[in-house]
Amino acid sequence: MAATSVIFRHIPFAGWGGFGVDIFFVVSGFVMCYVSFLDSRAFLIKRIIRIVPLYWFGTLGVFAVALLSPALLHNTSADWNHLLKSLLFIPYMREDHTIRPVLFLGWTLEYEAFFYVVFALGLACARGKLATGRHKYAYACTALFLALAAALGQTLRPASIALRFYTNPVILEFAFGAIAFLLWNRYRDRIAQTPIVWAIAVALLAYTAFLMFDLKIMDSHGAYLGKIPGFVWRGGLGFLLCISFLSLEGKIRFPKLWLLIGDASYSLYVFHPYVVELIDRKMISLRFLTPATVAAASIAIVACFVVAILSFQFFERPTNSFLRKKFVKSRPRLAVAGP
């Protein structure tokens, strides 16, 4: 859902769906708490293995295109300094005055990497508590670090691009995912009792609210909503979506193809802008809404799914499996239970 929404953000005649990133951040906060609860050993190594190979592969691929066929890319140049900063997750200002790495959507992965480091620090601070299963102290430390970073950024307004980037309040959306995990882990039996109709209704309402904000139907700069920080309502809506789908766990059998696309959502997110742009520039302009562009956009979305699945099957999963076997010692997983 999140990755497909972002595809629509990059189809020119649509232009909505950027909120998929907010959903990703909330889900990431939940997943980090979940996997660390199961086994917190080598947390940072596992996270590096999970995101870096595909990110570096995509970054080097885009850089190669910029080097050999620069006309194919709009705002990405073959700058070696930019390449190094991109590979090391160091934000910088591009020629178009946006803070983006070589890989177009890699800016969100820079936030992910920052969150992983902060989360690892939270685990380290609560190391003694983890042995007794009191992981909530680690999550509290993480939330405190994120809140402190955001507060300092808003107060000091640092001139450094990297500091300004990593202290953006959007980092607090990860905390909404952590809250979702704590609630689910403690009250999952009650959450599981939520009627399917209610869960679907809440999910639809949350998604519709996201959509209305993106389409300016419910302008976030209104007299009342404008006073609410963006990370609060975006994180809140992402939280509602996360909890809604958690309550559906085991109640609905999703089609295998949907689950496969979900498994490949990282590849889908990373590579879809280039698939859409290729069709937009080489087949038909997607700037205006017409029957022909709707058909072309549909083809683009299917092509994005195919590319993502191929990337997942033949690069993402094999490299993750190889690196985990090489650098992470296996251990039986524990059941998630208790506060």
Protein backbone atom coordinates (compact mmCIF):
# COMPACT_ATOMS: atom_id res chain seq x y z
CA MET A 1 0.00 0.00 0.00
CA ALA A 2 2.71 2.47 0.99
CA ALA A 3 5.05 1.74 -1.93
CA THR A 4 2.23 1.74 -4.49
CA SER A 5 0.98 5.07 -3.14
CA VAL A 6 4.41 6.58 -3.76
CA ILE A 7 4.28 5.34 -7.36
CA PHE A 8 1.24 7.57 -7.93
CA ARG A 9 3.21 10.47 -6.47
CA HIS A 10 5.62 10.16 -9.39
CA ILE A 11 3.00 9.78 -12.13
CA PRO A 12 2.77 13.42 -13.32
CA PHE A 13 -1.00 13.57 -13.88
CA ALA A 14 -1.66 12.07 -10.42
CA GLY A 15 0.88 13.70 -8.11
CA TRP A 16 -0.56 12.28 -4.87
CA GLY A 17 0.77 9.49 -2.65
CA GLY A 18 3.78 11.05 -0.98
CA PHE A 19 2.23 10.02 2.33
CA GLY A 20 3.43 6.50 1.57
CA VAL A 21 6.76 7.66 3.00
CA ASP A 22 5.07 8.56 6.30
CA ILE A 23 3.47 5.12 6.41
CA PHE A 24 6.89 3.57 5.79
CA PHE A 25 8.42 5.50 8.67
CA VAL A 26 5.71 4.38 11.10
CA VAL A 27 5.90 0.75 9.92
CA SER A 28 9.69 0.89 10.21
CA GLY A 29 9.40 2.04 13.84
CA PHE A 30 7.11 -0.91 14.53
CA VAL A 31 9.32 -3.43 12.73
CA MET A 32 12.50 -2.28 14.49
CA CYS A 33 10.86 -2.81 17.88
CA TYR A 34 9.48 -6.17 16.75
CA VAL A 35 12.74 -7.62 15.41
CA SER A 36 14.80 -6.31 18.33
CA PHE A 37 12.32 -7.89 20.76
CA LEU A 38 12.83 -11.23 19.03
CA ASP A 39 16.62 -10.91 19.03
CA SER A 40 18.47 -7.66 19.70
CA ARG A 41 21.93 -9.08 19.00
CA ALA A 42 23.87 -7.59 16.06
CA PHE A 43 20.97 -5.21 15.46
CA LEU A 44 22.95 -2.63 13.48
CA ILE A 45 24.73 -5.26 11.38
CA LYS A 46 21.38 -6.79 10.43
CA ARG A 47 20.00 -3.38 9.48
CA ILE A 48 23.07 -2.59 7.36
CA ILE A 49 22.70 -5.91 5.59
CA ARG A 50 19.01 -5.21 5.02
CA ILE A 51 19.22 -1.79 3.35
CA VAL A 52 22.78 -1.06 2.20
CA PRO A 53 23.33 -3.64 -0.60
CA LEU A 54 20.24 -2.64 -2.59
CA TYR A 55 20.80 1.06 -1.87
CA TRP A 56 24.42 0.91 -3.04
CA PHE A 57 23.44 -1.18 -6.07
CA GLY A 58 20.80 1.36 -7.07
CA THR A 59 23.09 4.31 -6.33
CA LEU A 60 25.94 2.94 -8.42
CA GLY A 61 23.52 2.06 -11.20
CA VAL A 62 22.08 5.58 -11.36
CA PHE A 63 25.58 7.07 -11.18
CA ALA A 64 26.66 4.88 -14.11
CA VAL A 65 23.70 6.17 -16.14
CA ALA A 66 24.59 9.77 -15.20
CA LEU A 67 28.17 9.08 -16.27
CA LEU A 68 27.43 7.33 -19.56
CA SER A 69 24.07 8.79 -20.65
CA PRO A 70 23.42 11.98 -18.63
CA ALA A 71 20.57 13.03 -20.95
CA LEU A 72 18.44 10.23 -19.48
CA LEU A 73 18.36 11.89 -16.06
CA HIS A 74 16.87 15.25 -15.11
CA ASN A 75 18.74 16.49 -12.05
CA THR A 76 21.42 13.89 -11.35
CA SER A 77 24.98 14.54 -12.48
CA ALA A 78 28.04 12.28 -12.34
CA ASP A 79 29.64 14.09 -9.42
CA TRP A 80 32.10 11.85 -7.55
CA ASN A 81 31.77 13.89 -4.36
CA HIS A 82 28.00 13.42 -4.47
CA LEU A 83 28.47 9.71 -5.05
CA LEU A 84 30.68 9.35 -1.97
CA LYS A 85 28.27 11.31 0.22
CA SER A 86 25.34 9.27 -1.08
CA LEU A 87 27.04 5.96 -0.30
CA LEU A 88 27.84 7.19 3.22
CA PHE A 89 24.34 8.59 3.90
CA ILE A 90 25.60 12.19 4.14
CA PRO A 91 22.91 14.66 2.99
CA TYR A 92 23.93 17.38 0.54
CA MET A 93 22.27 20.04 -1.63
CA ARG A 94 21.87 19.17 -5.31
CA GLU A 95 21.98 21.56 -8.25
CA ASP A 96 18.18 21.86 -8.15
CA HIS A 97 18.41 23.03 -4.50
CA THR A 98 16.88 19.85 -3.10
CA ILE A 99 18.51 17.61 -0.51
CA ARG A 100 18.64 14.34 -2.41
CA PRO A 101 21.34 11.68 -2.87
CA VAL A 102 22.25 10.17 -6.23
CA LEU A 103 19.43 7.63 -5.85
CA PHE A 104 16.37 9.85 -6.06
CA LEU A 105 14.37 8.45 -3.14
CA GLY A 106 17.44 7.67 -1.08
CA TRP A 107 16.72 10.66 1.18
CA THR A 108 14.21 8.52 3.04
CA LEU A 109 16.85 5.80 3.44
CA GLU A 110 19.13 8.40 4.99
CA TYR A 111 16.43 8.93 7.62
CA GLU A 112 16.13 5.16 8.00
CA ALA A 113 19.89 4.86 8.54
CA PHE A 114 19.77 7.65 11.12
CA PHE A 115 16.91 5.92 12.91
CA TYR A 116 18.83 2.63 12.96
CA VAL A 117 21.82 4.31 14.58
CA VAL A 118 19.62 6.04 17.17
CA PHE A 119 17.76 2.79 17.84
CA ALA A 120 21.06 0.94 18.29
CA LEU A 121 22.09 3.61 20.82
CA GLY A 122 18.78 3.08 22.62
CA LEU A 123 19.45 -0.66 22.78
CA ALA A 124 22.96 -0.01 24.09
CA CYS A 125 21.68 2.34 26.82
CA ALA A 126 19.18 -0.27 27.99
CA ARG A 127 21.45 -3.28 27.55
CA GLY A 128 21.02 -4.45 31.14
CA LYS A 129 17.25 -4.25 30.85
CA LEU A 130 17.14 -6.33 27.64
CA ALA A 131 18.32 -9.42 29.48
CA THR A 132 15.14 -9.33 31.56
CA GLY A 133 12.92 -8.68 28.56
CA ARG A 134 12.32 -5.03 29.50
CA HIS A 135 12.79 -3.70 25.99
CA LYS A 136 10.50 -0.75 26.62
CA TYR A 137 13.45 1.05 28.21
CA ALA A 138 15.34 0.80 24.93
CA TYR A 139 12.34 2.15 23.04
CA ALA A 140 11.96 4.99 25.55
CA CYS A 141 15.64 5.90 25.11
CA THR A 142 15.20 5.88 21.34
CA ALA A 143 12.14 8.12 21.54
CA LEU A 144 14.03 10.46 23.87
CA PHE A 145 16.97 10.69 21.46
CA LEU A 146 14.64 11.44 18.54
CA ALA A 147 12.70 14.06 20.50
CA LEU A 148 15.90 15.71 21.69
CA ALA A 149 17.34 15.83 18.16
CA ALA A 150 14.13 17.33 16.75
CA ALA A 151 13.91 19.87 19.59
CA LEU A 152 17.51 20.96 19.13
CA GLY A 153 17.01 21.27 15.38
CA GLN A 154 13.94 23.47 15.79
CA THR A 155 15.62 25.56 18.48
CA LEU A 156 19.14 26.01 17.12
CA ARG A 157 18.32 25.96 13.38
CA PRO A 158 21.78 24.61 12.41
CA ALA A 159 23.41 25.94 9.25
CA SER A 160 24.84 22.52 8.40
CA ILE A 161 22.74 20.73 5.76
CA ALA A 162 23.32 17.35 7.41
CA LEU A 163 22.39 18.57 10.90
CA ARG A 164 19.34 20.40 9.58
CA PHE A 165 18.28 17.30 7.68
CA TYR A 166 18.70 14.84 10.56
CA THR A 167 16.91 17.06 13.09
CA ASN A 168 13.78 17.48 10.98
CA PRO A 169 10.70 16.62 13.13
CA VAL A 170 9.73 13.97 10.58
CA ILE A 171 12.08 11.63 12.48
CA LEU A 172 9.46 11.51 15.24
CA GLU A 173 7.16 9.51 12.95
CA PHE A 174 9.29 6.46 13.81
CA ALA A 175 8.18 6.88 17.43
CA PHE A 176 4.54 6.35 16.37
CA GLY A 177 5.56 2.91 15.11
CA ALA A 178 7.26 2.15 18.41
CA ILE A 179 4.07 3.12 20.26
CA ALA A 180 2.09 0.84 17.94
CA PHE A 181 4.39 -2.05 18.84
CA LEU A 182 4.15 -1.44 22.58
CA LEU A 183 0.35 -1.36 22.40
CA TRP A 184 0.16 -4.41 20.16
CA ASN A 185 2.64 -6.39 22.24
CA ARG A 186 0.76 -5.67 25.46
CA TYR A 187 -2.83 -5.73 24.23
CA ARG A 188 -2.67 -7.83 21.09
CA ASP A 189 -5.41 -10.20 22.28
CA ARG A 190 -7.76 -7.23 22.65
CA ILE A 191 -6.60 -5.72 19.37
CA ALA A 192 -7.22 -9.06 17.67
CA GLN A 193 -10.82 -8.92 18.88
CA THR A 194 -11.47 -5.78 16.85
CA PRO A 195 -14.24 -6.57 14.31
CA ILE A 196 -12.95 -6.80 10.76
CA VAL A 197 -15.43 -4.15 9.59
CA TRP A 198 -14.16 -1.66 12.17
CA ALA A 199 -10.52 -2.30 11.32
CA ILE A 200 -11.14 -1.86 7.59
CA ALA A 201 -13.23 1.25 8.22
CA VAL A 202 -10.48 2.89 10.33
CA ALA A 203 -7.85 1.97 7.72
CA LEU A 204 -9.97 3.43 4.91
CA LEU A 205 -10.65 6.61 6.86
CA ALA A 206 -6.96 7.08 7.67
CA TYR A 207 -5.93 6.48 4.06
CA THR A 208 -8.67 8.79 2.80
CA ALA A 209 -7.50 11.52 5.17
CA PHE A 210 -3.96 11.13 3.81
CA LEU A 211 -5.34 11.37 0.28
CA MET A 212 -7.43 14.45 1.05
CA PHE A 213 -4.38 16.23 2.48
CA ASP A 214 -2.33 15.39 -0.61
CA LEU A 215 -5.07 16.58 -2.96
CA LYS A 216 -5.51 19.78 -0.90
CA ILE A 217 -9.14 18.85 -0.23
CA MET A 218 -8.40 19.08 3.47
CA ASP A 219 -5.71 21.75 3.50
CA SER A 220 -3.19 21.27 6.32
CA HIS A 221 -2.74 25.06 6.47
CA GLY A 222 -6.28 25.70 7.64
CA ALA A 223 -7.16 27.64 10.77
CA TYR A 224 -7.09 24.54 12.98
CA LEU A 225 -5.04 21.87 11.21
CA GLY A 226 -2.29 24.34 10.43
CA LYS A 227 -1.54 24.52 14.15
CA ILE A 228 -0.86 20.78 14.34
CA PRO A 229 2.74 19.81 13.45
CA GLY A 230 2.87 17.67 10.32
CA PHE A 231 4.64 14.78 12.02
CA VAL A 232 1.76 14.54 14.53
CA TRP A 233 -1.12 14.08 12.12
CA ARG A 234 0.91 12.16 9.54
CA GLY A 235 2.39 9.91 12.21
CA GLY A 236 -1.04 9.55 13.80
CA LEU A 237 -2.68 8.47 10.55
CA GLY A 238 0.16 6.04 9.90
CA PHE A 239 -0.30 4.69 13.43
CA LEU A 240 -4.02 4.06 12.78
CA LEU A 241 -3.23 2.22 9.54
CA CYS A 242 -0.61 0.10 11.29
CA ILE A 243 -2.88 -0.86 14.18
CA SER A 244 -5.79 -1.56 11.82
CA PHE A 245 -3.78 -4.02 9.77
CA LEU A 246 -2.34 -5.64 12.90
CA SER A 247 -5.89 -6.33 14.07
CA LEU A 248 -6.54 -8.09 10.73
CA GLU A 249 -3.60 -10.46 11.23
CA GLY A 250 -4.79 -14.04 10.74
CA LYS A 251 -8.33 -12.99 9.80
CA ILE A 252 -7.80 -12.32 6.11
CA ARG A 253 -5.89 -14.43 3.58
CA PHE A 254 -4.21 -11.95 1.29
CA PRO A 255 -3.43 -13.16 -2.25
CA LYS A 256 0.09 -14.55 -2.64
CA LEU A 257 0.87 -11.98 -5.32
CA TRP A 258 0.05 -9.17 -2.89
CA LEU A 259 2.35 -10.69 -0.31
CA LEU A 260 5.11 -11.09 -2.89
CA ILE A 261 4.79 -7.42 -3.86
CA GLY A 262 4.88 -6.61 -0.15
CA ASP A 263 8.10 -8.61 0.22
CA ALA A 264 9.51 -6.68 -2.74
CA SER A 265 8.28 -3.29 -1.48
CA TYR A 266 11.81 -2.04 -0.76
CA SER A 267 12.88 -2.72 -4.36
CA LEU A 268 9.56 -1.30 -5.55
CA TYR A 269 10.12 1.89 -3.62
CA VAL A 270 13.73 2.33 -4.75
CA PHE A 271 13.36 1.65 -8.48
CA HIS A 272 9.84 2.73 -9.47
CA PRO A 273 10.68 6.41 -10.25
CA TYR A 274 13.03 5.30 -13.03
CA VAL A 275 10.50 2.91 -14.54
CA VAL A 276 7.82 5.62 -14.53
CA GLU A 277 10.21 8.22 -15.95
CA LEU A 278 11.33 5.86 -18.72
CA ILE A 279 7.73 5.36 -19.87
CA ASP A 280 6.95 9.06 -19.42
CA ARG A 281 9.91 10.15 -21.57
CA LYS A 282 10.16 7.34 -24.13
CA MET A 283 6.57 6.10 -24.63
CA ILE A 284 4.02 8.79 -23.82
CA SER A 285 3.98 11.91 -21.68
CA LEU A 286 2.05 11.28 -18.47
CA ARG A 287 1.55 14.97 -17.78
CA PHE A 288 -2.17 15.08 -18.64
CA LEU A 289 -5.03 12.79 -17.64
CA THR A 290 -6.39 11.04 -20.74
CA PRO A 291 -7.50 7.47 -21.52
CA ALA A 292 -4.13 6.89 -23.20
CA THR A 293 -2.11 8.13 -20.22
CA VAL A 294 -4.24 6.09 -17.81
CA ALA A 295 -3.43 3.00 -19.88
CA ALA A 296 0.26 3.92 -19.97
CA ALA A 297 0.30 4.58 -16.22
CA SER A 298 -1.30 1.17 -15.62
CA ILE A 299 1.44 -0.43 -17.72
CA ALA A 300 4.02 1.55 -15.74
CA ILE A 301 2.65 0.31 -12.41
CA VAL A 302 2.70 -3.31 -13.58
CA ALA A 303 6.22 -2.81 -14.89
CA CYS A 304 7.24 -1.39 -11.51
CA PHE A 305 5.87 -4.49 -9.81
CA VAL A 306 7.73 -6.79 -12.22
CA VAL A 307 11.04 -4.95 -11.80
CA ALA A 308 10.63 -4.98 -8.01
CA ILE A 309 9.87 -8.71 -7.85
CA LEU A 310 12.83 -9.52 -10.10
CA SER A 311 15.10 -7.32 -7.99
CA PHE A 312 13.83 -8.97 -4.81
CA GLN A 313 14.15 -12.52 -6.11
CA PHE A 314 17.52 -12.23 -7.84
CA PHE A 315 19.38 -9.55 -5.89
CA GLU A 316 17.79 -8.39 -2.65
CA ARG A 317 16.95 -11.76 -1.08
CA PRO A 318 20.12 -13.62 -2.21
CA THR A 319 22.47 -10.88 -1.00
CA ASN A 320 20.63 -10.56 2.32
CA SER A 321 20.72 -14.31 2.84
CA PHE A 322 24.43 -14.56 1.94
CA LEU A 323 25.50 -11.66 4.17
CA ARG A 324 23.42 -12.79 7.14
CA LYS A 325 24.94 -16.29 6.96
CA LYS A 326 28.40 -14.75 6.79
CA PHE A 327 28.12 -12.06 9.46
CA VAL A 328 25.22 -12.98 11.76
CA LYS A 329 25.09 -16.09 13.89
CA SER A 330 21.68 -17.74 13.82
CA ARG A 331 19.63 -18.30 16.92
CA PRO A 332 16.12 -19.71 17.44
CA ARG A 333 13.50 -16.97 17.51
CA LEU A 334 11.50 -16.26 20.63
CA ALA A 335 7.76 -15.74 20.76
CA VAL A 336 6.68 -12.15 21.21
CA ALA A 337 4.74 -11.88 24.45
CA GLY A 338 4.49 -9.74 27.55
CA PRO A 339 4.91 -6.01 28.08
